[in-house]
Amino acid sequence: MSTIASPCTSVCRMNPKSGLCEGCLRTLDEIAGWSRMDDAAKEAVWLRIEERKAAHPDEAECP
């Protein structure tokens, strides 16, 4: 079982401009595939989320 927490914040709205969830900043593919990802893939998603937050801080609702 994975020890990597899901980035989901239960704010499930897709931004039509960015294609990212407004709550967790994941793409639909990242959201849909999360449960099948191994820990390395999940860590890579978390890194992309942090990059997205840094690039677009006004789009992130989650801390």
PDB file of N, CA and C in Angstrom:
ATOM      1  N   MET A   1       0.832  -1.178   0.000  1.00  0.00           N
ATOM      2  CA  MET A   1       0.000   0.000   0.000  1.00  0.00           C
ATOM      3  C   MET A   1       0.882   1.250   0.000  1.00  0.00           C
ATOM      4  N   SER A   2       0.453   2.268  -0.711  1.00  0.00           N
ATOM      5  CA  SER A   2       1.218   3.495  -0.858  1.00  0.00           C
ATOM      6  C   SER A   2       1.188   4.332   0.414  1.00  0.00           C
ATOM      7  N   THR A   3       2.289   5.007   0.680  1.00  0.00           N
ATOM      8  CA  THR A   3       2.355   5.934   1.798  1.00  0.00           C
ATOM      9  C   THR A   3       2.276   7.382   1.321  1.00  0.00           C
ATOM     10  N   ILE A   4       2.117   7.581   0.029  1.00  0.00           N
ATOM     11  CA  ILE A   4       2.031   8.922  -0.552  1.00  0.00           C
ATOM     12  C   ILE A   4       0.580   9.388  -0.496  1.00  0.00           C
ATOM     13  N   ALA A   5       0.338  10.481   0.205  1.00  0.00           N
ATOM     14  CA  ALA A   5      -1.018  11.004   0.348  1.00  0.00           C
ATOM     15  C   ALA A   5      -1.518  11.621  -0.951  1.00  0.00           C
ATOM     16  N   SER A   6      -2.799  11.500  -1.169  1.00  0.00           N
ATOM     17  CA  SER A   6      -3.426  12.131  -2.328  1.00  0.00           C
ATOM     18  C   SER A   6      -3.440  13.642  -2.137  1.00  0.00           C
ATOM     19  N   PRO A   7      -3.217  14.390  -3.206  1.00  0.00           N
ATOM     20  CA  PRO A   7      -3.287  15.843  -3.109  1.00  0.00           C
ATOM     21  C   PRO A   7      -4.716  16.386  -3.154  1.00  0.00           C
ATOM     22  N   CYS A   8      -5.706  15.513  -3.266  1.00  0.00           N
ATOM     23  CA  CYS A   8      -7.096  15.936  -3.374  1.00  0.00           C
ATOM     24  C   CYS A   8      -7.506  16.763  -2.161  1.00  0.00           C
ATOM     25  N   THR A   9      -8.197  17.881  -2.443  1.00  0.00           N
ATOM     26  CA  THR A   9      -8.695  18.755  -1.376  1.00  0.00           C
ATOM     27  C   THR A   9     -10.220  18.796  -1.369  1.00  0.00           C
ATOM     28  N   SER A  10     -10.842  17.943  -2.164  1.00  0.00           N
ATOM     29  CA  SER A  10     -12.300  17.877  -2.305  1.00  0.00           C
ATOM     30  C   SER A  10     -12.893  19.157  -2.897  1.00  0.00           C
ATOM     31  N   VAL A  11     -12.080  19.903  -3.611  1.00  0.00           N
ATOM     32  CA  VAL A  11     -12.534  21.055  -4.396  1.00  0.00           C
ATOM     33  C   VAL A  11     -12.378  20.622  -5.849  1.00  0.00           C
ATOM     34  N   CYS A  12     -13.349  19.903  -6.329  1.00  0.00           N
ATOM     35  CA  CYS A  12     -13.221  19.228  -7.618  1.00  0.00           C
ATOM     36  C   CYS A  12     -13.880  20.026  -8.741  1.00  0.00           C
ATOM     37  N   ARG A  13     -13.152  21.037  -9.210  1.00  0.00           N
ATOM     38  CA  ARG A  13     -13.592  21.849 -10.341  1.00  0.00           C
ATOM     39  C   ARG A  13     -12.426  21.980 -11.296  1.00  0.00           C
ATOM     40  N   MET A  14     -12.675  21.657 -12.553  1.00  0.00           N
ATOM     41  CA  MET A  14     -11.626  21.790 -13.552  1.00  0.00           C
ATOM     42  C   MET A  14     -11.652  23.196 -14.134  1.00  0.00           C
ATOM     43  N   ASN A  15     -10.485  23.819 -14.196  1.00  0.00           N
ATOM     44  CA  ASN A  15     -10.350  25.134 -14.792  1.00  0.00           C
ATOM     45  C   ASN A  15     -10.253  24.946 -16.300  1.00  0.00           C
ATOM     46  N   PRO A  16     -11.210  25.490 -17.064  1.00  0.00           N
ATOM     47  CA  PRO A  16     -11.208  25.262 -18.509  1.00  0.00           C
ATOM     48  C   PRO A  16     -10.007  25.887 -19.222  1.00  0.00           C
ATOM     49  N   LYS A  17      -9.429  26.934 -18.649  1.00  0.00           N
ATOM     50  CA  LYS A  17      -8.267  27.564 -19.281  1.00  0.00           C
ATOM     51  C   LYS A  17      -6.995  26.746 -19.077  1.00  0.00           C
ATOM     52  N   SER A  18      -6.772  26.321 -17.853  1.00  0.00           N
ATOM     53  CA  SER A  18      -5.520  25.620 -17.541  1.00  0.00           C
ATOM     54  C   SER A  18      -5.633  24.111 -17.709  1.00  0.00           C
ATOM     55  N   GLY A  19      -6.853  23.575 -17.622  1.00  0.00           N
ATOM     56  CA  GLY A  19      -7.030  22.131 -17.669  1.00  0.00           C
ATOM     57  C   GLY A  19      -6.655  21.445 -16.369  1.00  0.00           C
ATOM     58  N   LEU A  20      -6.533  22.237 -15.301  1.00  0.00           N
ATOM     59  CA  LEU A  20      -6.145  21.708 -13.997  1.00  0.00           C
ATOM     60  C   LEU A  20      -7.304  21.818 -13.014  1.00  0.00           C
ATOM     61  N   CYS A  21      -7.327  20.899 -12.060  1.00  0.00           N
ATOM     62  CA  CYS A  21      -8.298  20.981 -10.980  1.00  0.00           C
ATOM     63  C   CYS A  21      -7.978  22.224 -10.150  1.00  0.00           C
ATOM     64  N   GLU A  22      -9.001  22.993  -9.815  1.00  0.00           N
ATOM     65  CA  GLU A  22      -8.786  24.208  -9.036  1.00  0.00           C
ATOM     66  C   GLU A  22      -8.411  23.913  -7.586  1.00  0.00           C
ATOM     67  N   GLY A  23      -8.683  22.715  -7.110  1.00  0.00           N
ATOM     68  CA  GLY A  23      -8.339  22.358  -5.741  1.00  0.00           C
ATOM     69  C   GLY A  23      -6.940  21.804  -5.584  1.00  0.00           C
ATOM     70  N   CYS A  24      -6.562  20.868  -6.448  1.00  0.00           N
ATOM     71  CA  CYS A  24      -5.281  20.176  -6.254  1.00  0.00           C
ATOM     72  C   CYS A  24      -4.273  20.405  -7.375  1.00  0.00           C
ATOM     73  N   LEU A  25      -4.670  21.116  -8.407  1.00  0.00           N
ATOM     74  CA  LEU A  25      -3.790  21.439  -9.535  1.00  0.00           C
ATOM     75  C   LEU A  25      -3.302  20.211 -10.310  1.00  0.00           C
ATOM     76  N   ARG A  26      -4.122  19.162 -10.334  1.00  0.00           N
ATOM     77  CA  ARG A  26      -3.786  17.991 -11.154  1.00  0.00           C
ATOM     78  C   ARG A  26      -4.597  18.028 -12.443  1.00  0.00           C
ATOM     79  N   THR A  27      -4.080  17.335 -13.454  1.00  0.00           N
ATOM     80  CA  THR A  27      -4.817  17.148 -14.698  1.00  0.00           C
ATOM     81  C   THR A  27      -5.826  16.025 -14.506  1.00  0.00           C
ATOM     82  N   LEU A  28      -6.759  15.915 -15.434  1.00  0.00           N
ATOM     83  CA  LEU A  28      -7.718  14.798 -15.362  1.00  0.00           C
ATOM     84  C   LEU A  28      -7.001  13.453 -15.420  1.00  0.00           C
ATOM     85  N   ASP A  29      -5.977  13.336 -16.259  1.00  0.00           N
ATOM     86  CA  ASP A  29      -5.227  12.074 -16.347  1.00  0.00           C
ATOM     87  C   ASP A  29      -4.543  11.739 -15.021  1.00  0.00           C
ATOM     88  N   GLU A  30      -3.979  12.751 -14.354  1.00  0.00           N
ATOM     89  CA  GLU A  30      -3.332  12.516 -13.065  1.00  0.00           C
ATOM     90  C   GLU A  30      -4.343  12.099 -12.007  1.00  0.00           C
ATOM     91  N   ILE A  31      -5.511  12.728 -12.025  1.00  0.00           N
ATOM     92  CA  ILE A  31      -6.562  12.379 -11.067  1.00  0.00           C
ATOM     93  C   ILE A  31      -7.052  10.956 -11.315  1.00  0.00           C
ATOM     94  N   ALA A  32      -7.365  10.650 -12.567  1.00  0.00           N
ATOM     95  CA  ALA A  32      -7.911   9.339 -12.908  1.00  0.00           C
ATOM     96  C   ALA A  32      -6.913   8.214 -12.656  1.00  0.00           C
ATOM     97  N   GLY A  33      -5.642   8.476 -12.855  1.00  0.00           N
ATOM     98  CA  GLY A  33      -4.632   7.429 -12.724  1.00  0.00           C
ATOM     99  C   GLY A  33      -4.021   7.291 -11.344  1.00  0.00           C
ATOM    100  N   TRP A  34      -4.359   8.188 -10.429  1.00  0.00           N
ATOM    101  CA  TRP A  34      -3.708   8.221  -9.115  1.00  0.00           C
ATOM    102  C   TRP A  34      -3.713   6.863  -8.414  1.00  0.00           C
ATOM    103  N   SER A  35      -4.834   6.197  -8.375  1.00  0.00           N
ATOM    104  CA  SER A  35      -4.932   4.939  -7.617  1.00  0.00           C
ATOM    105  C   SER A  35      -4.100   3.814  -8.229  1.00  0.00           C
ATOM    106  N   ARG A  36      -3.712   3.955  -9.479  1.00  0.00           N
ATOM    107  CA  ARG A  36      -2.907   2.925 -10.142  1.00  0.00           C
ATOM    108  C   ARG A  36      -1.421   3.268 -10.197  1.00  0.00           C
ATOM    109  N   MET A  37      -1.068   4.461  -9.737  1.00  0.00           N
ATOM    110  CA  MET A  37       0.333   4.894  -9.790  1.00  0.00           C
ATOM    111  C   MET A  37       1.146   4.273  -8.669  1.00  0.00           C
ATOM    112  N   ASP A  38       2.419   4.009  -8.974  1.00  0.00           N
ATOM    113  CA  ASP A  38       3.330   3.588  -7.913  1.00  0.00           C
ATOM    114  C   ASP A  38       3.824   4.853  -7.192  1.00  0.00           C
ATOM    115  N   ASP A  39       4.565   4.668  -6.115  1.00  0.00           N
ATOM    116  CA  ASP A  39       4.998   5.807  -5.314  1.00  0.00           C
ATOM    117  C   ASP A  39       5.860   6.787  -6.107  1.00  0.00           C
ATOM    118  N   ALA A  40       6.705   6.297  -6.986  1.00  0.00           N
ATOM    119  CA  ALA A  40       7.559   7.185  -7.782  1.00  0.00           C
ATOM    120  C   ALA A  40       6.717   8.089  -8.684  1.00  0.00           C
ATOM    121  N   ALA A  41       5.691   7.542  -9.280  1.00  0.00           N
ATOM    122  CA  ALA A  41       4.809   8.332 -10.144  1.00  0.00           C
ATOM    123  C   ALA A  41       4.029   9.352  -9.316  1.00  0.00           C
ATOM    124  N   LYS A  42       3.582   8.955  -8.131  1.00  0.00           N
ATOM    125  CA  LYS A  42       2.861   9.879  -7.259  1.00  0.00           C
ATOM    126  C   LYS A  42       3.764  11.028  -6.818  1.00  0.00           C
ATOM    127  N   GLU A  43       5.012  10.716  -6.490  1.00  0.00           N
ATOM    128  CA  GLU A  43       5.968  11.760  -6.122  1.00  0.00           C
ATOM    129  C   GLU A  43       6.194  12.712  -7.288  1.00  0.00           C
ATOM    130  N   ALA A  44       6.220  12.187  -8.502  1.00  0.00           N
ATOM    131  CA  ALA A  44       6.391  13.032  -9.687  1.00  0.00           C
ATOM    132  C   ALA A  44       5.198  13.966  -9.866  1.00  0.00           C
ATOM    133  N   VAL A  45       4.004  13.476  -9.590  1.00  0.00           N
ATOM    134  CA  VAL A  45       2.812  14.333  -9.660  1.00  0.00           C
ATOM    135  C   VAL A  45       2.915  15.436  -8.618  1.00  0.00           C
ATOM    136  N   TRP A  46       3.309  15.095  -7.404  1.00  0.00           N
ATOM    137  CA  TRP A  46       3.468  16.106  -6.356  1.00  0.00           C
ATOM    138  C   TRP A  46       4.474  17.174  -6.776  1.00  0.00           C
ATOM    139  N   LEU A  47       5.566  16.766  -7.413  1.00  0.00           N
ATOM    140  CA  LEU A  47       6.557  17.741  -7.884  1.00  0.00           C
ATOM    141  C   LEU A  47       5.958  18.665  -8.936  1.00  0.00           C
ATOM    142  N   ARG A  48       5.167  18.103  -9.859  1.00  0.00           N
ATOM    143  CA  ARG A  48       4.513  18.933 -10.882  1.00  0.00           C
ATOM    144  C   ARG A  48       3.522  19.903 -10.238  1.00  0.00           C
ATOM    145  N   ILE A  49       2.807  19.450  -9.202  1.00  0.00           N
ATOM    146  CA  ILE A  49       1.874  20.329  -8.495  1.00  0.00           C
ATOM    147  C   ILE A  49       2.634  21.514  -7.900  1.00  0.00           C
ATOM    148  N   GLU A  50       3.760  21.252  -7.256  1.00  0.00           N
ATOM    149  CA  GLU A  50       4.557  22.328  -6.664  1.00  0.00           C
ATOM    150  C   GLU A  50       5.046  23.287  -7.741  1.00  0.00           C
ATOM    151  N   GLU A  51       5.446  22.772  -8.891  1.00  0.00           N
ATOM    152  CA  GLU A  51       5.861  23.635 -10.001  1.00  0.00           C
ATOM    153  C   GLU A  51       4.693  24.483 -10.492  1.00  0.00           C
ATOM    154  N   ARG A  52       3.516  23.893 -10.575  1.00  0.00           N
ATOM    155  CA  ARG A  52       2.326  24.631 -11.011  1.00  0.00           C
ATOM    156  C   ARG A  52       1.959  25.719 -10.010  1.00  0.00           C
ATOM    157  N   LYS A  53       2.055  25.409  -8.716  1.00  0.00           N
ATOM    158  CA  LYS A  53       1.776  26.412  -7.689  1.00  0.00           C
ATOM    159  C   LYS A  53       2.729  27.592  -7.823  1.00  0.00           C
ATOM    160  N   ALA A  54       3.996  27.302  -8.050  1.00  0.00           N
ATOM    161  CA  ALA A  54       4.992  28.358  -8.177  1.00  0.00           C
ATOM    162  C   ALA A  54       4.756  29.201  -9.426  1.00  0.00           C
ATOM    163  N   ALA A  55       4.340  28.564 -10.494  1.00  0.00           N
ATOM    164  CA  ALA A  55       4.125  29.270 -11.754  1.00  0.00           C
ATOM    165  C   ALA A  55       2.824  30.063 -11.771  1.00  0.00           C
ATOM    166  N   HIS A  56       1.809  29.576 -11.040  1.00  0.00           N
ATOM    167  CA  HIS A  56       0.475  30.185 -11.049  1.00  0.00           C
ATOM    168  C   HIS A  56      -0.096  30.205  -9.637  1.00  0.00           C
ATOM    169  N   PRO A  57       0.493  30.967  -8.728  1.00  0.00           N
ATOM    170  CA  PRO A  57       0.039  30.939  -7.330  1.00  0.00           C
ATOM    171  C   PRO A  57      -1.409  31.378  -7.132  1.00  0.00           C
ATOM    172  N   ASP A  58      -1.959  32.166  -8.052  1.00  0.00           N
ATOM    173  CA  ASP A  58      -3.338  32.629  -7.925  1.00  0.00           C
ATOM    174  C   ASP A  58      -4.362  31.555  -8.263  1.00  0.00           C
ATOM    175  N   GLU A  59      -3.927  30.449  -8.877  1.00  0.00           N
ATOM    176  CA  GLU A  59      -4.852  29.385  -9.264  1.00  0.00           C
ATOM    177  C   GLU A  59      -5.033  28.326  -8.182  1.00  0.00           C
ATOM    178  N   ALA A  60      -4.152  28.267  -7.218  1.00  0.00           N
ATOM    179  CA  ALA A  60      -4.191  27.213  -6.207  1.00  0.00           C
ATOM    180  C   ALA A  60      -5.069  27.605  -5.033  1.00  0.00           C
ATOM    181  N   GLU A  61      -6.051  26.754  -4.730  1.00  0.00           N
ATOM    182  CA  GLU A  61      -6.904  26.984  -3.556  1.00  0.00           C
ATOM    183  C   GLU A  61      -6.366  26.246  -2.343  1.00  0.00           C
ATOM    184  N   CYS A  62      -5.524  25.282  -2.586  1.00  0.00           N
ATOM    185  CA  CYS A  62      -5.027  24.493  -1.453  1.00  0.00           C
ATOM    186  C   CYS A  62      -3.691  25.048  -0.968  1.00  0.00           C
ATOM    187  N   PRO A  63      -3.364  24.847   0.283  1.00  0.00           N
ATOM    188  CA  PRO A  63      -2.105  25.346   0.836  1.00  0.00           C
ATOM    189  C   PRO A  63      -0.908  24.597   0.286  1.00  0.00           C
TER     190      PRO A  63
END
